[in-house]
Amino acid sequence: MKKKKNHSKRKRLIILISTVVAVTILLAFLFFRGLKTSAIHYDAQAVKYEAKIKKPENLPINSITFPGFRDIAIQEGDKVLYIALVNPSFNKADIQFKVTLNDRTTPILTTGLVKPGQAVTEVPLPKELPVGEHTVKLEMFGYTQDEVQQRLTGSQTTFKLQVLKNKP
């Protein structure tokens, strides 16, 4: 009889410890997952910027407008691409930009969040970018303006970057 009581107590203790461990693991997972979703900070390089982008007529309230880009030419040896990665002032969301060159997998720039009415205006270029035509892939991701940002919609575009040979 005594063995049966000890076995019952031991069984309850094991169940209690297992439950505490499982709850602790679950809470740790939720805590670290929450940190990951709110880890995007506002970009320190973003500056106030007046874009010439006009708000489209009949734009639905919850829509995000992403900028478009034309082909750009730079001189051989330029270290920076001067371009306005702008979040139009009429947007009700923050935007993060990711710039990739040619078929590279690693972006040359991933911004923090850019508030409406601001822009990041400089993209560092890789050293010794060869003369010729290059493809720039620009990905734009919308985020809520809540304390913990949530990913909304996004857009992707490409444009050509022409690196011109310096004149002797």
C-alpha atoms as a PDB file:
ATOM      1  CA  MET A   1       0.000   0.000   0.000  1.00  0.00           C
ATOM      2  CA  LYS A   2       2.844   2.361   0.895  1.00  0.00           C
ATOM      3  CA  LYS A   3       4.539   1.605  -2.432  1.00  0.00           C
ATOM      4  CA  LYS A   4       1.341   2.484  -4.264  1.00  0.00           C
ATOM      5  CA  LYS A   5       1.106   5.879  -2.476  1.00  0.00           C
ATOM      6  CA  ASN A   6       4.767   6.707  -3.226  1.00  0.00           C
ATOM      7  CA  HIS A   7       4.286   5.689  -6.857  1.00  0.00           C
ATOM      8  CA  SER A   8       1.196   7.925  -7.094  1.00  0.00           C
ATOM      9  CA  LYS A   9       3.044  10.888  -5.527  1.00  0.00           C
ATOM     10  CA  ARG A  10       6.017  10.359  -7.829  1.00  0.00           C
ATOM     11  CA  LYS A  11       3.714  10.208 -10.853  1.00  0.00           C
ATOM     12  CA  ARG A  12       2.017  13.508  -9.876  1.00  0.00           C
ATOM     13  CA  LEU A  13       5.405  15.153  -9.308  1.00  0.00           C
ATOM     14  CA  ILE A  14       6.632  14.060 -12.753  1.00  0.00           C
ATOM     15  CA  ILE A  15       3.452  15.380 -14.375  1.00  0.00           C
ATOM     16  CA  LEU A  16       3.786  18.695 -12.513  1.00  0.00           C
ATOM     17  CA  ILE A  17       7.450  19.132 -13.493  1.00  0.00           C
ATOM     18  CA  SER A  18       6.687  18.196 -17.125  1.00  0.00           C
ATOM     19  CA  THR A  19       3.859  20.737 -17.232  1.00  0.00           C
ATOM     20  CA  VAL A  20       6.057  23.507 -15.784  1.00  0.00           C
ATOM     21  CA  VAL A  21       8.828  22.735 -18.312  1.00  0.00           C
ATOM     22  CA  ALA A  22       6.359  22.688 -21.235  1.00  0.00           C
ATOM     23  CA  VAL A  23       4.779  26.013 -20.201  1.00  0.00           C
ATOM     24  CA  THR A  24       8.241  27.584 -19.754  1.00  0.00           C
ATOM     25  CA  ILE A  25       9.316  26.455 -23.234  1.00  0.00           C
ATOM     26  CA  LEU A  26       6.078  27.773 -24.750  1.00  0.00           C
ATOM     27  CA  LEU A  27       6.440  31.155 -23.042  1.00  0.00           C
ATOM     28  CA  ALA A  28      10.093  31.425 -24.114  1.00  0.00           C
ATOM     29  CA  PHE A  29       9.133  30.630 -27.706  1.00  0.00           C
ATOM     30  CA  LEU A  30       6.379  33.264 -27.727  1.00  0.00           C
ATOM     31  CA  PHE A  31       8.684  35.842 -26.122  1.00  0.00           C
ATOM     32  CA  PHE A  32      11.488  35.368 -28.651  1.00  0.00           C
ATOM     33  CA  ARG A  33       9.057  35.206 -31.568  1.00  0.00           C
ATOM     34  CA  GLY A  34       7.633  38.548 -30.418  1.00  0.00           C
ATOM     35  CA  LEU A  35      11.124  40.035 -30.300  1.00  0.00           C
ATOM     36  CA  LYS A  36      11.797  38.896 -33.841  1.00  0.00           C
ATOM     37  CA  THR A  37       8.693  40.560 -35.327  1.00  0.00           C
ATOM     38  CA  SER A  38       9.428  43.887 -33.637  1.00  0.00           C
ATOM     39  CA  ALA A  39      13.153  43.880 -34.438  1.00  0.00           C
ATOM     40  CA  ILE A  40      12.872  46.247 -37.415  1.00  0.00           C
ATOM     41  CA  HIS A  41      13.798  49.736 -36.305  1.00  0.00           C
ATOM     42  CA  TYR A  42      13.379  53.043 -38.075  1.00  0.00           C
ATOM     43  CA  ASP A  43      16.220  53.822 -40.459  1.00  0.00           C
ATOM     44  CA  ALA A  44      18.651  56.395 -39.048  1.00  0.00           C
ATOM     45  CA  GLN A  45      19.570  57.514 -42.601  1.00  0.00           C
ATOM     46  CA  ALA A  46      15.965  58.400 -43.514  1.00  0.00           C
ATOM     47  CA  VAL A  47      15.431  62.127 -44.011  1.00  0.00           C
ATOM     48  CA  LYS A  48      12.381  64.300 -44.572  1.00  0.00           C
ATOM     49  CA  TYR A  49      11.671  64.231 -48.297  1.00  0.00           C
ATOM     50  CA  GLU A  50       9.083  65.951 -50.454  1.00  0.00           C
ATOM     51  CA  ALA A  51       8.323  63.544 -53.263  1.00  0.00           C
ATOM     52  CA  LYS A  52       6.608  64.520 -56.485  1.00  0.00           C
ATOM     53  CA  ILE A  53       4.403  61.451 -56.124  1.00  0.00           C
ATOM     54  CA  LYS A  54       0.775  62.449 -56.195  1.00  0.00           C
ATOM     55  CA  LYS A  55      -1.861  60.537 -54.280  1.00  0.00           C
ATOM     56  CA  PRO A  56      -3.895  58.525 -56.780  1.00  0.00           C
ATOM     57  CA  GLU A  57      -7.561  59.459 -56.979  1.00  0.00           C
ATOM     58  CA  ASN A  58      -9.937  56.969 -55.390  1.00  0.00           C
ATOM     59  CA  LEU A  59      -7.095  55.301 -53.497  1.00  0.00           C
ATOM     60  CA  PRO A  60      -8.665  52.824 -51.063  1.00  0.00           C
ATOM     61  CA  ILE A  61      -8.075  53.775 -47.414  1.00  0.00           C
ATOM     62  CA  ASN A  62      -5.926  50.756 -46.517  1.00  0.00           C
ATOM     63  CA  SER A  63      -3.758  50.845 -49.657  1.00  0.00           C
ATOM     64  CA  ILE A  64      -0.023  51.480 -49.774  1.00  0.00           C
ATOM     65  CA  THR A  65       1.543  53.341 -52.681  1.00  0.00           C
ATOM     66  CA  PHE A  66       5.045  52.204 -53.621  1.00  0.00           C
ATOM     67  CA  PRO A  67       7.358  54.374 -55.747  1.00  0.00           C
ATOM     68  CA  GLY A  68       8.508  53.430 -59.240  1.00  0.00           C
ATOM     69  CA  PHE A  69      11.955  54.067 -60.724  1.00  0.00           C
ATOM     70  CA  ARG A  70      13.483  54.852 -64.109  1.00  0.00           C
ATOM     71  CA  ASP A  71      16.824  53.680 -65.430  1.00  0.00           C
ATOM     72  CA  ILE A  72      19.817  55.516 -63.947  1.00  0.00           C
ATOM     73  CA  ALA A  73      23.323  56.271 -65.237  1.00  0.00           C
ATOM     74  CA  ILE A  74      26.396  56.777 -63.038  1.00  0.00           C
ATOM     75  CA  GLN A  75      30.101  57.211 -63.673  1.00  0.00           C
ATOM     76  CA  GLU A  76      32.661  54.453 -63.324  1.00  0.00           C
ATOM     77  CA  GLY A  77      34.115  54.513 -59.798  1.00  0.00           C
ATOM     78  CA  ASP A  78      31.053  56.064 -58.127  1.00  0.00           C
ATOM     79  CA  LYS A  79      30.723  54.685 -54.617  1.00  0.00           C
ATOM     80  CA  VAL A  80      27.122  55.742 -53.983  1.00  0.00           C
ATOM     81  CA  LEU A  81      23.910  55.588 -55.961  1.00  0.00           C
ATOM     82  CA  TYR A  82      21.882  58.723 -55.201  1.00  0.00           C
ATOM     83  CA  ILE A  83      18.253  57.671 -55.382  1.00  0.00           C
ATOM     84  CA  ALA A  84      15.220  58.489 -53.248  1.00  0.00           C
ATOM     85  CA  LEU A  85      13.856  55.350 -51.633  1.00  0.00           C
ATOM     86  CA  VAL A  86      10.805  57.300 -50.585  1.00  0.00           C
ATOM     87  CA  ASN A  87       7.701  56.503 -48.606  1.00  0.00           C
ATOM     88  CA  PRO A  88       5.038  58.902 -49.939  1.00  0.00           C
ATOM     89  CA  SER A  89       3.647  61.235 -47.272  1.00  0.00           C
ATOM     90  CA  PHE A  90       0.048  60.098 -47.828  1.00  0.00           C
ATOM     91  CA  ASN A  91       0.796  56.440 -46.950  1.00  0.00           C
ATOM     92  CA  LYS A  92      -0.541  55.124 -43.656  1.00  0.00           C
ATOM     93  CA  ALA A  93       2.241  52.522 -43.360  1.00  0.00           C
ATOM     94  CA  ASP A  94       6.013  52.331 -42.978  1.00  0.00           C
ATOM     95  CA  ILE A  95       8.140  50.867 -45.775  1.00  0.00           C
ATOM     96  CA  GLN A  96      11.332  48.830 -45.712  1.00  0.00           C
ATOM     97  CA  PHE A  97      13.484  48.722 -48.869  1.00  0.00           C
ATOM     98  CA  LYS A  98      15.808  45.945 -50.034  1.00  0.00           C
ATOM     99  CA  VAL A  99      18.162  46.649 -52.968  1.00  0.00           C
ATOM    100  CA  THR A 100      19.895  43.809 -54.817  1.00  0.00           C
ATOM    101  CA  LEU A 101      22.232  44.137 -57.786  1.00  0.00           C
ATOM    102  CA  ASN A 102      22.225  41.760 -60.779  1.00  0.00           C
ATOM    103  CA  ASP A 103      21.723  38.143 -59.724  1.00  0.00           C
ATOM    104  CA  ARG A 104      23.306  38.477 -56.293  1.00  0.00           C
ATOM    105  CA  THR A 105      21.576  36.834 -53.362  1.00  0.00           C
ATOM    106  CA  THR A 106      22.922  39.287 -50.776  1.00  0.00           C
ATOM    107  CA  PRO A 107      21.357  42.762 -50.926  1.00  0.00           C
ATOM    108  CA  ILE A 108      23.627  45.794 -51.220  1.00  0.00           C
ATOM    109  CA  LEU A 109      21.209  47.630 -48.902  1.00  0.00           C
ATOM    110  CA  THR A 110      18.388  46.659 -46.564  1.00  0.00           C
ATOM    111  CA  THR A 111      16.927  49.720 -44.896  1.00  0.00           C
ATOM    112  CA  GLY A 112      15.176  49.984 -41.591  1.00  0.00           C
ATOM    113  CA  LEU A 113      11.622  51.257 -41.651  1.00  0.00           C
ATOM    114  CA  VAL A 114      11.017  54.527 -43.479  1.00  0.00           C
ATOM    115  CA  LYS A 115       8.136  56.684 -42.235  1.00  0.00           C
ATOM    116  CA  PRO A 116       5.694  58.418 -44.608  1.00  0.00           C
ATOM    117  CA  GLY A 117       7.234  61.649 -45.939  1.00  0.00           C
ATOM    118  CA  GLN A 118      10.797  60.352 -45.526  1.00  0.00           C
ATOM    119  CA  ALA A 119      13.383  58.770 -47.818  1.00  0.00           C
ATOM    120  CA  VAL A 120      16.742  57.055 -47.758  1.00  0.00           C
ATOM    121  CA  THR A 121      18.712  58.862 -50.482  1.00  0.00           C
ATOM    122  CA  GLU A 122      21.999  56.975 -50.711  1.00  0.00           C
ATOM    123  CA  VAL A 123      22.677  53.361 -51.659  1.00  0.00           C
ATOM    124  CA  PRO A 124      26.299  52.214 -51.248  1.00  0.00           C
ATOM    125  CA  LEU A 125      27.647  50.512 -54.354  1.00  0.00           C
ATOM    126  CA  PRO A 126      30.010  47.545 -54.444  1.00  0.00           C
ATOM    127  CA  LYS A 127      33.670  48.357 -55.051  1.00  0.00           C
ATOM    128  CA  GLU A 128      34.840  48.267 -58.653  1.00  0.00           C
ATOM    129  CA  LEU A 129      31.406  47.941 -60.215  1.00  0.00           C
ATOM    130  CA  PRO A 130      32.243  47.208 -63.866  1.00  0.00           C
ATOM    131  CA  VAL A 131      31.305  49.504 -66.747  1.00  0.00           C
ATOM    132  CA  GLY A 132      28.102  48.373 -68.447  1.00  0.00           C
ATOM    133  CA  GLU A 133      24.475  47.685 -67.715  1.00  0.00           C
ATOM    134  CA  HIS A 134      23.356  46.217 -64.406  1.00  0.00           C
ATOM    135  CA  THR A 135      19.914  45.202 -63.149  1.00  0.00           C
ATOM    136  CA  VAL A 136      18.750  46.654 -59.845  1.00  0.00           C
ATOM    137  CA  LYS A 137      16.027  44.704 -58.040  1.00  0.00           C
ATOM    138  CA  LEU A 138      14.135  46.755 -55.494  1.00  0.00           C
ATOM    139  CA  GLU A 139      11.820  45.063 -53.017  1.00  0.00           C
ATOM    140  CA  MET A 140       9.520  47.179 -50.861  1.00  0.00           C
ATOM    141  CA  PHE A 141       7.678  45.842 -47.819  1.00  0.00           C
ATOM    142  CA  GLY A 142       4.850  47.661 -46.047  1.00  0.00           C
ATOM    143  CA  TYR A 143       4.516  47.482 -42.253  1.00  0.00           C
ATOM    144  CA  THR A 144       1.875  48.685 -39.828  1.00  0.00           C
ATOM    145  CA  GLN A 145       2.755  51.709 -37.716  1.00  0.00           C
ATOM    146  CA  ASP A 146       1.879  49.876 -34.502  1.00  0.00           C
ATOM    147  CA  GLU A 147       4.277  49.468 -31.592  1.00  0.00           C
ATOM    148  CA  VAL A 148       4.969  45.931 -32.852  1.00  0.00           C
ATOM    149  CA  GLN A 149       5.039  46.231 -36.620  1.00  0.00           C
ATOM    150  CA  GLN A 150       3.274  43.630 -38.698  1.00  0.00           C
ATOM    151  CA  ARG A 151       4.122  42.936 -42.315  1.00  0.00           C
ATOM    152  CA  LEU A 152       1.509  44.079 -44.797  1.00  0.00           C
ATOM    153  CA  THR A 153       1.773  43.927 -48.556  1.00  0.00           C
ATOM    154  CA  GLY A 154       4.836  44.490 -50.695  1.00  0.00           C
ATOM    155  CA  SER A 155       6.014  45.234 -54.187  1.00  0.00           C
ATOM    156  CA  GLN A 156       8.999  44.492 -56.364  1.00  0.00           C
ATOM    157  CA  THR A 157      10.421  46.324 -59.347  1.00  0.00           C
ATOM    158  CA  THR A 158      13.563  46.305 -61.446  1.00  0.00           C
ATOM    159  CA  PHE A 159      15.383  49.029 -63.323  1.00  0.00           C
ATOM    160  CA  LYS A 160      18.664  49.379 -65.184  1.00  0.00           C
ATOM    161  CA  LEU A 161      21.815  50.955 -63.756  1.00  0.00           C
ATOM    162  CA  GLN A 162      24.217  52.022 -66.494  1.00  0.00           C
ATOM    163  CA  VAL A 163      27.829  52.467 -65.375  1.00  0.00           C
ATOM    164  CA  LEU A 164      29.504  54.825 -67.854  1.00  0.00           C
ATOM    165  CA  LYS A 165      33.226  54.766 -68.644  1.00  0.00           C
ATOM    166  CA  ASN A 166      35.093  57.822 -67.401  1.00  0.00           C
ATOM    167  CA  LYS A 167      36.365  60.126 -70.164  1.00  0.00           C
ATOM    168  CA  PRO A 168      40.176  60.330 -70.339  1.00  0.00           C
END
